[in-house]
Amino acid sequence: MKKLKERWGITTIYQLLLIIIVFAINGSLSARISNYLLTFIGINDYNTHWFIYYLILLVLVLPIYPFLLMGFGYLFGQSKFFFPFGKRMLSKIGLGFIFNKKAS
């Protein structure tokens, strides 16, 4: 745990516990929300080939995950850790422009 605390730049076991809780909540909730959205538009694993279904599910989870991560990080008081993390994730999937400031 010491290496993880050093790598993430956190100082207490309490912060580590909060970060792990945020990751756990976020992973489950982003998958549930994506599944709900697919069901809402009428796509499920019964009327769609499994490969197409999971591909669409993955495409939905990818942008939802970092936004939820930053939101729950803020709610749990760990925004210093999760905002840069979420921004990096969004940049890697091509949505980094959302947080880029344009010079006037």
C-alpha atoms as a PDB file:
ATOM      1  CA  MET A   1       0.000   0.000   0.000  1.00  0.00           C
ATOM      2  CA  LYS A   2       2.928   2.304   0.607  1.00  0.00           C
ATOM      3  CA  LYS A   3       3.940   2.167  -3.073  1.00  0.00           C
ATOM      4  CA  LEU A   4       0.378   2.915  -4.165  1.00  0.00           C
ATOM      5  CA  LYS A   5       0.159   5.899  -1.812  1.00  0.00           C
ATOM      6  CA  GLU A   6       3.470   7.239  -3.139  1.00  0.00           C
ATOM      7  CA  ARG A   7       2.486   6.686  -6.769  1.00  0.00           C
ATOM      8  CA  TRP A   8      -0.852   8.442  -6.352  1.00  0.00           C
ATOM      9  CA  GLY A   9       0.579  11.242  -4.195  1.00  0.00           C
ATOM     10  CA  ILE A  10      -1.705  10.679  -1.233  1.00  0.00           C
ATOM     11  CA  THR A  11      -0.695  10.806   2.398  1.00  0.00           C
ATOM     12  CA  THR A  12      -3.264   8.910   4.470  1.00  0.00           C
ATOM     13  CA  ILE A  13      -4.899   5.524   4.411  1.00  0.00           C
ATOM     14  CA  TYR A  14      -8.223   7.382   4.647  1.00  0.00           C
ATOM     15  CA  GLN A  15      -7.588   9.025   1.263  1.00  0.00           C
ATOM     16  CA  LEU A  16      -6.664   5.648  -0.214  1.00  0.00           C
ATOM     17  CA  LEU A  17      -9.879   4.138   1.120  1.00  0.00           C
ATOM     18  CA  LEU A  18     -11.970   6.974  -0.358  1.00  0.00           C
ATOM     19  CA  ILE A  19     -10.264   6.614  -3.736  1.00  0.00           C
ATOM     20  CA  ILE A  20     -10.903   2.868  -3.806  1.00  0.00           C
ATOM     21  CA  ILE A  21     -14.557   3.431  -2.858  1.00  0.00           C
ATOM     22  CA  VAL A  22     -14.960   5.996  -5.657  1.00  0.00           C
ATOM     23  CA  PHE A  23     -13.457   3.600  -8.209  1.00  0.00           C
ATOM     24  CA  ALA A  24     -15.781   0.803  -7.046  1.00  0.00           C
ATOM     25  CA  ILE A  25     -18.945   2.912  -7.161  1.00  0.00           C
ATOM     26  CA  ASN A  26     -17.997   4.487 -10.465  1.00  0.00           C
ATOM     27  CA  GLY A  27     -17.268   1.265 -12.314  1.00  0.00           C
ATOM     28  CA  SER A  28     -20.541  -0.339 -11.338  1.00  0.00           C
ATOM     29  CA  LEU A  29     -22.645   2.750 -11.897  1.00  0.00           C
ATOM     30  CA  SER A  30     -21.217   3.608 -15.319  1.00  0.00           C
ATOM     31  CA  ALA A  31     -21.969   0.068 -16.545  1.00  0.00           C
ATOM     32  CA  ARG A  32     -25.502   0.245 -15.132  1.00  0.00           C
ATOM     33  CA  ILE A  33     -26.199   3.620 -16.717  1.00  0.00           C
ATOM     34  CA  SER A  34     -24.907   2.424 -20.093  1.00  0.00           C
ATOM     35  CA  ASN A  35     -27.042  -0.711 -19.847  1.00  0.00           C
ATOM     36  CA  TYR A  36     -30.069   1.401 -18.933  1.00  0.00           C
ATOM     37  CA  LEU A  37     -29.479   3.692 -21.933  1.00  0.00           C
ATOM     38  CA  LEU A  38     -29.264   0.700 -24.271  1.00  0.00           C
ATOM     39  CA  THR A  39     -32.482  -0.740 -22.848  1.00  0.00           C
ATOM     40  CA  PHE A  40     -34.154   2.660 -23.167  1.00  0.00           C
ATOM     41  CA  ILE A  41     -33.416   2.820 -26.901  1.00  0.00           C
ATOM     42  CA  GLY A  42     -34.472  -0.800 -27.355  1.00  0.00           C
ATOM     43  CA  ILE A  43     -31.148  -2.560 -27.692  1.00  0.00           C
ATOM     44  CA  ASN A  44     -30.586  -5.598 -25.502  1.00  0.00           C
ATOM     45  CA  ASP A  45     -28.705  -8.872 -25.626  1.00  0.00           C
ATOM     46  CA  TYR A  46     -31.829 -10.714 -26.807  1.00  0.00           C
ATOM     47  CA  ASN A  47     -32.502  -8.710 -29.980  1.00  0.00           C
ATOM     48  CA  THR A  48     -28.885  -7.858 -30.876  1.00  0.00           C
ATOM     49  CA  HIS A  49     -25.877 -10.041 -31.611  1.00  0.00           C
ATOM     50  CA  TRP A  50     -23.707 -10.292 -28.502  1.00  0.00           C
ATOM     51  CA  PHE A  51     -20.673  -8.750 -30.198  1.00  0.00           C
ATOM     52  CA  ILE A  52     -22.605  -5.677 -31.391  1.00  0.00           C
ATOM     53  CA  TYR A  53     -24.352  -5.325 -28.029  1.00  0.00           C
ATOM     54  CA  TYR A  54     -21.105  -5.315 -26.005  1.00  0.00           C
ATOM     55  CA  LEU A  55     -19.365  -3.087 -28.527  1.00  0.00           C
ATOM     56  CA  ILE A  56     -22.112  -0.468 -28.188  1.00  0.00           C
ATOM     57  CA  LEU A  57     -22.058  -0.891 -24.396  1.00  0.00           C
ATOM     58  CA  LEU A  58     -18.315  -0.286 -24.336  1.00  0.00           C
ATOM     59  CA  VAL A  59     -18.652   2.789 -26.545  1.00  0.00           C
ATOM     60  CA  LEU A  60     -21.223   4.182 -24.099  1.00  0.00           C
ATOM     61  CA  VAL A  61     -19.199   3.364 -20.977  1.00  0.00           C
ATOM     62  CA  LEU A  62     -16.015   5.035 -22.208  1.00  0.00           C
ATOM     63  CA  PRO A  63     -17.260   8.652 -22.111  1.00  0.00           C
ATOM     64  CA  ILE A  64     -19.571   8.163 -19.107  1.00  0.00           C
ATOM     65  CA  TYR A  65     -16.870   6.723 -16.838  1.00  0.00           C
ATOM     66  CA  PRO A  66     -14.543   9.768 -16.577  1.00  0.00           C
ATOM     67  CA  PHE A  67     -17.418  12.203 -15.984  1.00  0.00           C
ATOM     68  CA  LEU A  68     -18.825  10.067 -13.194  1.00  0.00           C
ATOM     69  CA  LEU A  69     -15.316   9.609 -11.815  1.00  0.00           C
ATOM     70  CA  MET A  70     -14.815  13.356 -11.524  1.00  0.00           C
ATOM     71  CA  GLY A  71     -18.299  13.810 -10.049  1.00  0.00           C
ATOM     72  CA  PHE A  72     -17.903  11.153  -7.372  1.00  0.00           C
ATOM     73  CA  GLY A  73     -14.349  12.297  -6.721  1.00  0.00           C
ATOM     74  CA  TYR A  74     -15.722  15.749  -5.996  1.00  0.00           C
ATOM     75  CA  LEU A  75     -18.499  14.390  -3.763  1.00  0.00           C
ATOM     76  CA  PHE A  76     -15.994  12.350  -1.751  1.00  0.00           C
ATOM     77  CA  GLY A  77     -13.600  15.303  -1.431  1.00  0.00           C
ATOM     78  CA  GLN A  78     -10.912  13.830  -3.679  1.00  0.00           C
ATOM     79  CA  SER A  79     -11.203  16.151  -6.674  1.00  0.00           C
ATOM     80  CA  LYS A  80      -7.448  16.900  -6.629  1.00  0.00           C
ATOM     81  CA  PHE A  81      -6.860  13.268  -7.495  1.00  0.00           C
ATOM     82  CA  PHE A  82      -9.796  12.557  -9.805  1.00  0.00           C
ATOM     83  CA  PHE A  83     -10.041  15.691 -11.971  1.00  0.00           C
ATOM     84  CA  PRO A  84      -6.613  15.257 -13.613  1.00  0.00           C
ATOM     85  CA  PHE A  85      -7.274  11.517 -13.870  1.00  0.00           C
ATOM     86  CA  GLY A  86     -10.626  12.086 -15.590  1.00  0.00           C
ATOM     87  CA  LYS A  87      -9.203  14.745 -17.908  1.00  0.00           C
ATOM     88  CA  ARG A  88      -6.428  12.371 -19.011  1.00  0.00           C
ATOM     89  CA  MET A  89      -8.983   9.651 -19.717  1.00  0.00           C
ATOM     90  CA  LEU A  90     -11.126  12.017 -21.779  1.00  0.00           C
ATOM     91  CA  SER A  91      -8.073  13.180 -23.733  1.00  0.00           C
ATOM     92  CA  LYS A  92      -7.109   9.585 -24.520  1.00  0.00           C
ATOM     93  CA  ILE A  93     -10.553   8.829 -25.987  1.00  0.00           C
ATOM     94  CA  GLY A  94     -10.603  12.039 -28.020  1.00  0.00           C
ATOM     95  CA  LEU A  95     -12.835  14.169 -25.797  1.00  0.00           C
ATOM     96  CA  GLY A  96     -10.076  16.294 -24.270  1.00  0.00           C
ATOM     97  CA  PHE A  97     -11.380  19.367 -26.088  1.00  0.00           C
ATOM     98  CA  ILE A  98     -14.135  19.638 -23.451  1.00  0.00           C
ATOM     99  CA  PHE A  99     -11.662  20.957 -20.879  1.00  0.00           C
ATOM    100  CA  ASN A 100      -9.235  22.818 -23.149  1.00  0.00           C
ATOM    101  CA  LYS A 101      -9.385  26.568 -22.817  1.00  0.00           C
ATOM    102  CA  LYS A 102      -9.095  28.501 -26.054  1.00  0.00           C
ATOM    103  CA  ALA A 103      -7.043  31.653 -26.049  1.00  0.00           C
ATOM    104  CA  SER A 104      -8.960  34.740 -27.113  1.00  0.00           C
END
